[in-house]
N, C-alpha and C. Protein backbone atom coordinates (compact mmCIF):
# COMPACT_ATOMS: atom_id res chain seq x y z
N MET A 1 105.83 116.82 83.17
CA MET A 1 104.45 116.67 83.49
C MET A 1 103.90 116.62 84.88
N THR A 2 105.03 115.72 85.52
CA THR A 2 104.64 115.27 86.99
C THR A 2 104.96 116.50 87.88
N GLY A 3 105.92 117.52 87.46
CA GLY A 3 106.03 118.59 88.33
C GLY A 3 106.94 118.34 89.45
N ILE A 4 107.70 117.04 89.52
CA ILE A 4 108.39 116.55 90.44
C ILE A 4 109.78 117.48 90.50
N ARG A 5 110.06 117.87 91.98
CA ARG A 5 111.31 118.62 91.79
C ARG A 5 112.28 118.11 92.63
N LEU A 6 113.73 118.70 92.67
CA LEU A 6 114.75 118.38 93.35
C LEU A 6 114.53 118.30 95.03
N GLY A 7 114.86 117.44 95.60
CA GLY A 7 114.36 117.56 97.00
C GLY A 7 113.04 116.94 97.73
N GLU A 8 112.12 116.73 96.59
CA GLU A 8 110.97 116.01 97.09
C GLU A 8 111.08 114.62 97.17
N ARG A 9 109.88 113.95 97.96
CA ARG A 9 110.02 112.57 98.28
C ARG A 9 108.72 111.96 97.32
N LEU A 10 109.15 111.04 96.63
CA LEU A 10 108.26 110.15 95.53
C LEU A 10 108.13 108.93 95.77
N LEU A 11 106.87 108.61 95.70
CA LEU A 11 106.76 106.65 95.94
C LEU A 11 105.97 106.53 94.53
N TYR A 12 106.57 105.38 93.75
CA TYR A 12 106.24 104.91 92.69
C TYR A 12 105.67 103.17 93.01
N ILE A 13 104.59 103.26 92.84
CA ILE A 13 103.70 101.70 92.92
C ILE A 13 103.25 101.20 91.78
N GLY A 14 104.00 100.04 91.45
CA GLY A 14 103.77 99.15 90.07
C GLY A 14 105.16 98.96 89.18
N SER A 15 105.19 98.12 88.72
CA SER A 15 106.67 97.83 87.82
C SER A 15 106.42 97.76 86.52
N GLY A 16 105.55 98.10 85.93
CA GLY A 16 104.94 97.92 84.61
C GLY A 16 105.98 98.97 83.77
N THR A 17 106.43 100.17 84.05
CA THR A 17 107.35 100.99 83.32
C THR A 17 108.42 101.47 84.28
N PRO A 18 109.48 100.57 84.35
CA PRO A 18 110.56 100.95 85.32
C PRO A 18 111.46 101.88 84.97
N ASP A 19 111.50 102.25 83.64
CA ASP A 19 112.41 103.32 83.22
C ASP A 19 111.73 104.79 83.54
N MET A 20 110.40 104.74 83.75
CA MET A 20 109.56 105.96 84.09
C MET A 20 110.14 106.28 85.52
N PHE A 21 110.04 105.20 86.47
CA PHE A 21 110.45 105.22 87.64
C PHE A 21 111.83 105.78 88.02
N GLY A 22 113.03 105.20 87.13
CA GLY A 22 114.15 105.72 86.92
C GLY A 22 114.23 107.27 86.55
N ALA A 23 113.57 107.65 85.58
CA ALA A 23 113.61 109.00 85.31
C ALA A 23 112.90 109.79 86.48
N LEU A 24 111.93 109.64 86.95
CA LEU A 24 111.44 110.07 87.89
C LEU A 24 112.17 110.49 89.16
N ALA A 25 112.87 109.10 89.48
CA ALA A 25 114.05 109.13 90.66
C ALA A 25 115.15 109.97 90.47
N GLY A 26 115.37 110.17 89.30
CA GLY A 26 116.60 111.13 88.91
C GLY A 26 116.19 112.61 89.42
N LYS A 27 114.72 112.90 89.00
CA LYS A 27 114.49 114.30 89.36
C LYS A 27 114.74 114.89 90.65
N VAL A 28 114.56 113.91 91.65
CA VAL A 28 114.22 114.06 93.19
C VAL A 28 115.89 114.30 93.23
N GLY A 29 116.97 113.88 92.82
CA GLY A 29 118.09 114.07 93.31
C GLY A 29 118.70 113.31 94.54
N LEU A 30 119.93 113.76 94.90
CA LEU A 30 120.30 113.19 96.55
C LEU A 30 119.54 113.55 97.38
N SER A 31 119.08 114.87 97.20
CA SER A 31 118.43 115.49 98.58
C SER A 31 117.20 114.96 98.76
N GLY A 32 116.28 114.19 97.83
CA GLY A 32 114.99 113.77 97.86
C GLY A 32 115.10 112.55 98.11
N GLN A 33 113.95 111.96 97.97
CA GLN A 33 113.90 110.19 98.25
C GLN A 33 113.08 109.85 97.25
N ALA A 34 113.48 108.70 96.57
CA ALA A 34 112.84 107.89 95.76
C ALA A 34 112.33 106.43 95.95
N SER A 35 111.32 106.09 96.34
CA SER A 35 110.84 104.88 96.71
C SER A 35 110.03 104.17 95.89
N GLY A 36 110.22 102.78 95.76
CA GLY A 36 109.02 102.00 94.86
C GLY A 36 108.43 101.00 95.62
N VAL A 37 107.50 100.63 95.14
CA VAL A 37 106.72 99.48 95.45
C VAL A 37 106.29 98.57 94.63
N ALA A 38 106.59 97.04 94.51
CA ALA A 38 106.19 96.17 93.64
C ALA A 38 105.54 95.17 94.32
N ALA A 39 104.77 94.22 93.53
CA ALA A 39 103.97 93.34 94.31
C ALA A 39 104.71 92.18 94.41
N SER A 40 105.95 91.96 93.61
CA SER A 40 106.47 90.83 93.72
C SER A 40 108.15 91.06 93.66
N GLU A 41 109.02 90.07 93.93
CA GLU A 41 110.26 90.22 93.73
C GLU A 41 110.79 90.58 92.38
N SER A 42 110.26 89.92 91.32
CA SER A 42 110.73 90.40 90.04
C SER A 42 110.29 91.82 89.49
N GLY A 43 109.19 92.18 90.01
CA GLY A 43 108.78 93.67 89.85
C GLY A 43 109.75 94.52 90.78
N ALA A 44 109.97 94.20 91.85
CA ALA A 44 111.13 95.10 92.43
C ALA A 44 112.38 95.06 91.72
N GLU A 45 112.84 93.90 91.32
CA GLU A 45 114.03 93.88 90.52
C GLU A 45 114.06 94.77 89.27
N ALA A 46 113.02 94.80 88.62
CA ALA A 46 112.71 95.75 87.53
C ALA A 46 112.80 97.23 87.87
N LEU A 47 112.07 97.64 89.07
CA LEU A 47 112.17 98.88 89.61
C LEU A 47 113.43 99.29 89.74
N LYS A 48 114.37 98.48 90.63
CA LYS A 48 115.79 98.77 90.87
C LYS A 48 116.56 98.99 89.60
N GLY A 49 116.47 98.17 88.62
CA GLY A 49 117.03 98.34 86.96
C GLY A 49 116.86 99.49 86.64
N GLY A 50 115.53 100.09 86.66
CA GLY A 50 115.05 101.15 86.06
C GLY A 50 115.83 102.71 86.92
N GLY A 51 116.08 102.23 88.17
CA GLY A 51 116.76 103.19 88.95
C GLY A 51 118.13 103.51 88.56
N ALA A 52 118.81 102.16 88.34
CA ALA A 52 120.17 102.09 88.16
C ALA A 52 120.63 102.63 86.87
N ARG A 53 119.59 102.24 85.67
CA ARG A 53 119.82 102.82 84.47
C ARG A 53 119.82 104.29 84.32
N ALA A 54 119.07 104.80 85.31
CA ALA A 54 118.91 106.17 85.39
C ALA A 54 120.20 107.01 86.42
N GLY A 55 120.71 106.08 86.87
CA GLY A 55 121.85 106.40 87.87
C GLY A 55 121.31 107.25 89.15
N ALA A 56 120.03 106.46 89.42
CA ALA A 56 119.57 107.18 90.64
C ALA A 56 119.40 106.30 91.79
N LEU A 57 119.78 106.75 93.00
CA LEU A 57 119.41 105.89 94.45
C LEU A 57 118.17 105.90 94.75
N VAL A 58 118.00 104.54 94.86
CA VAL A 58 116.07 104.24 95.00
C VAL A 58 116.20 103.08 96.04
N ASP A 59 114.99 103.15 96.67
CA ASP A 59 114.78 102.26 97.68
C ASP A 59 113.46 101.66 97.20
N VAL A 60 113.62 100.32 97.02
CA VAL A 60 112.64 99.46 96.58
C VAL A 60 111.98 98.48 97.36
N GLN A 61 110.54 98.52 97.89
CA GLN A 61 110.04 97.32 98.80
C GLN A 61 109.20 96.41 98.00
N VAL A 62 108.96 95.10 98.48
CA VAL A 62 107.82 94.16 98.15
C VAL A 62 106.75 94.44 98.88
N ALA A 63 105.60 94.67 98.43
CA ALA A 63 104.34 94.85 99.21
C ALA A 63 103.19 94.21 98.36
N PRO A 64 103.05 92.75 98.55
CA PRO A 64 102.16 91.88 97.68
C PRO A 64 100.79 92.28 98.16
N GLY A 65 100.41 92.77 99.32
CA GLY A 65 99.09 93.21 99.59
C GLY A 65 98.82 94.64 99.37
N ALA A 66 97.88 95.22 99.98
CA ALA A 66 97.44 96.56 99.69
C ALA A 66 98.00 97.54 100.76
N GLY A 67 98.76 96.96 101.69
CA GLY A 67 99.41 97.74 102.41
C GLY A 67 100.78 98.49 102.35
N LEU A 68 100.95 99.85 102.47
CA LEU A 68 102.43 100.30 102.20
C LEU A 68 103.21 100.41 103.27
N PRO A 69 104.36 99.86 103.29
CA PRO A 69 105.20 100.20 104.42
C PRO A 69 105.92 101.49 104.84
N TYR A 70 105.08 102.39 104.80
CA TYR A 70 105.51 103.72 104.80
C TYR A 70 104.71 104.29 106.14
N ASP A 71 105.07 105.35 106.63
CA ASP A 71 104.37 106.19 107.67
C ASP A 71 103.46 107.18 107.00
N GLY A 72 102.34 107.61 107.56
CA GLY A 72 101.43 108.58 107.05
C GLY A 72 102.15 109.87 106.85
N GLU A 73 101.76 110.65 105.72
CA GLU A 73 102.29 111.66 105.20
C GLU A 73 103.70 111.97 104.86
N SER A 74 104.17 110.57 104.22
CA SER A 74 105.62 110.32 103.87
C SER A 74 106.12 111.18 102.60
N PHE A 75 105.06 111.33 101.68
CA PHE A 75 105.61 111.31 100.29
C PHE A 75 104.89 113.03 99.83
N ASP A 76 105.61 113.34 98.85
CA ASP A 76 104.95 114.73 97.95
C ASP A 76 104.34 114.24 96.82
N LEU A 77 104.55 113.12 96.14
CA LEU A 77 103.98 112.53 95.23
C LEU A 77 103.89 111.09 94.98
N VAL A 78 102.76 110.49 94.62
CA VAL A 78 102.65 109.06 94.35
C VAL A 78 102.48 108.90 92.80
N VAL A 79 102.85 107.99 92.24
CA VAL A 79 102.87 107.69 90.88
C VAL A 79 102.28 106.29 90.94
N LEU A 80 100.92 105.96 90.37
CA LEU A 80 100.31 104.57 90.66
C LEU A 80 100.55 104.15 89.05
N ASP A 81 101.09 103.23 88.84
CA ASP A 81 101.64 102.70 87.67
C ASP A 81 100.49 101.58 87.26
N CYS A 82 99.51 101.88 86.34
CA CYS A 82 98.34 101.15 86.01
C CYS A 82 98.45 100.58 84.62
N THR A 83 99.80 100.41 84.52
CA THR A 83 100.01 100.06 82.75
C THR A 83 99.74 98.47 82.42
N ARG A 84 99.80 97.57 83.67
CA ARG A 84 99.74 96.42 83.34
C ARG A 84 98.26 95.98 83.86
N ALA A 85 97.66 96.69 84.49
CA ALA A 85 96.18 96.21 85.18
C ALA A 85 95.39 97.63 85.25
N ALA A 86 94.11 97.31 84.93
CA ALA A 86 93.10 98.45 84.85
C ALA A 86 92.86 99.15 86.22
N VAL A 87 92.66 100.53 86.30
CA VAL A 87 92.54 101.23 87.26
C VAL A 87 91.92 100.67 88.38
N ASP A 88 90.52 100.05 88.00
CA ASP A 88 89.67 99.49 89.14
C ASP A 88 90.38 98.01 89.86
N LYS A 89 91.39 97.55 89.10
CA LYS A 89 92.01 96.52 89.62
C LYS A 89 93.14 96.76 90.73
N SER A 90 93.66 98.00 90.24
CA SER A 90 94.75 98.80 91.10
C SER A 90 94.19 99.45 92.02
N SER A 91 92.89 99.78 92.38
CA SER A 91 92.40 101.07 92.96
C SER A 91 92.61 100.50 94.75
N HIS A 92 92.89 99.37 94.96
CA HIS A 92 93.20 98.67 96.38
C HIS A 92 94.33 99.63 96.88
N TRP A 93 95.15 100.19 96.01
CA TRP A 93 96.25 100.98 96.31
C TRP A 93 95.87 102.24 96.87
N LEU A 94 94.63 102.89 96.55
CA LEU A 94 94.35 104.20 96.70
C LEU A 94 94.22 104.48 98.16
N PRO A 95 93.38 103.74 98.87
CA PRO A 95 93.28 104.31 100.36
C PRO A 95 94.96 104.67 101.24
N GLU A 96 95.68 103.56 100.82
CA GLU A 96 97.18 103.78 101.22
C GLU A 96 97.88 104.98 100.84
N THR A 97 97.55 104.98 99.37
CA THR A 97 97.95 106.21 98.87
C THR A 97 97.73 107.58 99.63
N LEU A 98 96.50 107.55 99.62
CA LEU A 98 95.73 108.92 100.41
C LEU A 98 96.46 109.04 102.04
N ARG A 99 96.58 107.86 102.41
CA ARG A 99 97.50 107.89 103.71
C ARG A 99 98.85 108.48 103.98
N VAL A 100 99.59 107.77 102.81
CA VAL A 100 100.91 108.23 102.72
C VAL A 100 101.13 109.68 101.94
N LEU A 101 100.36 110.30 101.36
CA LEU A 101 100.66 111.36 100.87
C LEU A 101 100.59 112.54 101.89
N ARG A 102 101.52 113.77 102.04
CA ARG A 102 100.87 114.97 102.83
C ARG A 102 99.97 115.56 102.31
N GLY A 103 99.31 116.51 103.44
CA GLY A 103 98.19 117.36 102.79
C GLY A 103 98.99 118.10 101.56
N GLY A 104 97.99 118.03 100.59
CA GLY A 104 98.32 118.81 99.10
C GLY A 104 99.32 118.16 98.46
N GLY A 105 99.77 116.98 98.90
CA GLY A 105 100.36 116.06 97.87
C GLY A 105 99.70 115.60 96.74
N ARG A 106 100.08 114.77 95.87
CA ARG A 106 99.46 114.35 94.54
C ARG A 106 99.81 112.96 94.21
N VAL A 107 98.67 112.57 93.53
CA VAL A 107 98.75 111.08 92.98
C VAL A 107 98.49 111.26 91.53
N ILE A 108 99.36 110.74 90.74
CA ILE A 108 99.21 110.55 89.28
C ILE A 108 98.92 109.22 88.91
N VAL A 109 97.70 108.75 88.35
CA VAL A 109 97.59 107.36 87.76
C VAL A 109 98.08 107.54 86.31
N VAL A 110 98.82 106.24 86.01
CA VAL A 110 99.43 106.27 84.50
C VAL A 110 98.85 104.98 84.16
N GLU A 111 98.03 105.33 82.81
CA GLU A 111 97.59 104.08 82.13
C GLU A 111 98.04 104.10 80.69
N LYS A 112 98.10 102.87 80.11
CA LYS A 112 98.19 102.81 78.80
C LYS A 112 96.66 102.60 78.10
N THR A 113 96.56 103.39 77.08
CA THR A 113 95.22 103.57 76.25
C THR A 113 95.14 102.48 75.12
N GLY A 114 96.49 101.79 74.60
CA GLY A 114 96.37 100.84 73.54
C GLY A 114 96.42 101.47 72.13
N GLY A 115 96.32 102.97 72.09
CA GLY A 115 96.47 103.58 70.65
C GLY A 115 97.50 104.75 70.97
N LEU A 116 98.00 104.94 69.64
CA LEU A 116 98.92 106.07 69.39
C LEU A 116 98.16 107.41 68.93
N ARG A 117 97.88 107.89 69.82
CA ARG A 117 96.82 108.99 69.33
C ARG A 117 97.12 110.23 70.15
N LEU A 118 97.40 111.55 69.43
CA LEU A 118 97.29 112.61 70.33
C LEU A 118 96.16 113.17 70.72
N TRP A 119 95.59 113.06 71.84
CA TRP A 119 94.43 113.89 72.28
C TRP A 119 94.60 115.39 72.94
N GLY A 120 95.98 115.47 73.42
CA GLY A 120 96.27 116.87 73.80
C GLY A 120 95.84 116.81 75.44
N LEU A 121 95.97 117.97 76.05
CA LEU A 121 95.78 118.17 77.23
C LEU A 121 94.31 118.02 77.55
N PHE A 122 93.32 118.64 76.83
CA PHE A 122 92.00 118.57 77.09
C PHE A 122 91.11 117.77 76.19
N ASP A 123 90.92 116.43 76.31
CA ASP A 123 90.18 115.78 75.67
C ASP A 123 88.86 115.68 75.59
N THR A 124 88.16 116.42 74.62
CA THR A 124 86.75 116.39 74.52
C THR A 124 86.32 115.71 73.30
N GLY A 125 86.92 115.08 72.71
CA GLY A 125 86.56 114.16 71.57
C GLY A 125 85.74 112.85 72.07
N SER A 126 85.02 112.11 71.21
CA SER A 126 84.25 111.07 71.84
C SER A 126 85.35 109.86 71.90
N SER A 127 86.25 109.67 71.11
CA SER A 127 87.21 108.50 71.09
C SER A 127 87.84 108.36 72.38
N GLY A 128 88.16 109.49 72.93
CA GLY A 128 89.13 109.46 74.09
C GLY A 128 88.02 109.59 75.57
N SER A 129 86.71 109.71 75.33
CA SER A 129 85.96 109.67 76.52
C SER A 129 84.97 108.48 76.90
N GLY A 130 84.37 108.48 77.79
CA GLY A 130 83.51 107.29 77.93
C GLY A 130 83.93 106.50 79.07
N PRO A 131 83.30 105.57 79.91
CA PRO A 131 83.50 104.79 80.89
C PRO A 131 85.14 104.16 81.41
N ARG A 132 85.44 103.71 80.32
CA ARG A 132 86.76 103.29 80.42
C ARG A 132 87.93 104.47 80.68
N ALA A 133 87.73 105.47 79.88
CA ALA A 133 88.34 106.76 80.06
C ALA A 133 88.45 107.52 81.40
N GLU A 134 87.18 107.49 81.83
CA GLU A 134 87.12 108.25 83.18
C GLU A 134 86.98 107.52 84.54
N ALA A 135 87.45 106.03 84.46
CA ALA A 135 87.67 105.12 85.47
C ALA A 135 88.46 105.67 86.48
N ALA A 136 89.71 106.25 86.14
CA ALA A 136 90.83 106.87 86.77
C ALA A 136 89.87 108.14 87.87
N THR A 137 89.34 108.83 87.21
CA THR A 137 88.83 110.15 87.69
C THR A 137 87.79 109.72 88.78
N ARG A 138 86.85 108.83 88.46
CA ARG A 138 85.95 108.32 89.34
C ARG A 138 86.36 107.69 90.54
N THR A 139 87.31 106.80 90.35
CA THR A 139 87.83 106.02 91.21
C THR A 139 88.98 106.84 92.56
N LEU A 140 89.62 107.94 91.66
CA LEU A 140 90.20 108.94 92.66
C LEU A 140 89.27 109.72 93.44
N GLN A 141 88.20 110.11 93.01
CA GLN A 141 87.36 110.97 93.70
C GLN A 141 86.74 109.91 94.67
N ALA A 142 86.30 108.86 94.42
CA ALA A 142 85.57 107.92 95.41
C ALA A 142 86.28 107.74 96.47
N THR A 143 87.75 107.71 96.43
CA THR A 143 88.68 107.51 97.40
C THR A 143 89.00 108.76 98.23
N GLY A 144 88.75 109.81 97.66
CA GLY A 144 88.82 111.23 98.76
C GLY A 144 89.79 112.23 98.00
N PHE A 145 90.20 112.09 96.98
CA PHE A 145 91.14 112.95 96.22
C PHE A 145 90.25 114.03 95.78
N ARG A 146 90.76 115.50 95.97
CA ARG A 146 90.17 116.54 95.30
C ARG A 146 91.12 117.67 95.28
N PRO A 147 91.13 118.24 94.22
CA PRO A 147 90.39 118.02 92.77
C PRO A 147 91.20 116.94 91.94
N VAL A 148 90.32 116.17 91.03
CA VAL A 148 91.03 115.37 90.14
C VAL A 148 90.71 115.74 88.66
N ARG A 149 91.96 115.80 87.99
CA ARG A 149 91.72 115.93 86.54
C ARG A 149 92.62 115.20 85.85
N ARG A 150 92.26 115.02 84.42
CA ARG A 150 93.00 114.38 83.44
C ARG A 150 94.13 115.20 83.19
N ILE A 151 95.31 115.02 83.14
CA ILE A 151 96.37 115.82 82.65
C ILE A 151 97.01 115.80 81.40
N ALA A 152 96.63 114.87 81.00
CA ALA A 152 97.14 114.42 79.54
C ALA A 152 96.65 113.27 78.90
N GLN A 153 96.55 112.93 77.44
CA GLN A 153 96.13 111.68 76.98
C GLN A 153 96.75 111.72 75.58
N ARG A 154 97.77 110.86 75.58
CA ARG A 154 98.69 111.18 74.25
C ARG A 154 99.42 109.94 73.73
N GLU A 155 99.78 109.49 72.61
CA GLU A 155 100.64 108.63 72.23
C GLU A 155 100.48 107.22 73.15
N GLY A 156 99.05 106.79 73.26
CA GLY A 156 98.95 105.55 74.04
C GLY A 156 99.11 105.87 75.40
N TRP A 157 98.93 106.78 75.86
CA TRP A 157 99.20 106.90 77.62
C TRP A 157 98.29 107.88 78.06
N ARG A 158 97.65 107.67 79.26
CA ARG A 158 96.84 108.58 79.97
C ARG A 158 97.04 109.03 81.25
N PHE A 159 97.30 110.16 81.69
CA PHE A 159 97.77 110.52 83.21
C PHE A 159 96.55 111.43 83.73
N THR A 160 96.14 110.91 84.95
CA THR A 160 95.19 111.46 85.74
C THR A 160 95.88 112.13 87.18
N GLU A 161 95.50 113.15 87.72
CA GLU A 161 96.08 113.57 88.89
C GLU A 161 94.99 114.00 89.99
N GLY A 162 95.39 113.58 91.14
CA GLY A 162 94.48 114.05 92.17
C GLY A 162 95.18 114.56 93.27
N LEU A 163 94.51 115.18 94.27
CA LEU A 163 95.33 115.94 95.23
C LEU A 163 94.64 115.59 96.54
N ARG A 164 95.64 115.39 97.50
CA ARG A 164 95.24 115.09 98.59
C ARG A 164 94.93 116.25 99.31
N PRO A 165 93.52 116.42 99.78
CA PRO A 165 93.31 117.76 100.41
C PRO A 165 94.10 118.15 101.82
N ARG A 166 94.39 119.30 101.82
CA ARG A 166 95.23 119.62 103.32
C ARG A 166 94.07 119.55 104.51
N THR A 167 94.42 119.07 105.59
CA THR A 167 93.60 119.03 106.63
C THR A 167 93.72 120.01 107.75
């Protein structure tokens, strides 16, 4: 679903789902770059473990504040793991995410929704909508990502994608 390909540059922010980081890191291969950022040493160790279990080479940094230790336009895809905190609590990462993404690069916000339901690609039902369900969309748009769309909500997960405009 992420569309990450061999040779691309991935940044994964957050440590709530280290095996997801490992799986994505394996997709970029040796010709790509898989970097992770965690707010704590224990989170960094979890991300390193996810990479090791997937057999992927990963670079993991600890960044307890909102700054990312990377140059501007360094990544093709940033995954913001909001499985441990609400999107609005993790939104301090978004201005930096916009900075480190190349023009045309994408951010994907990953959230746990709490239920095991299959809403499908386009959720129009009342159970999957409302203020909480649209928080990621609003937050990404307010940061400057265009366009923004929910790419999936199913089995207790919600994925929202934003594009960094080309300049």
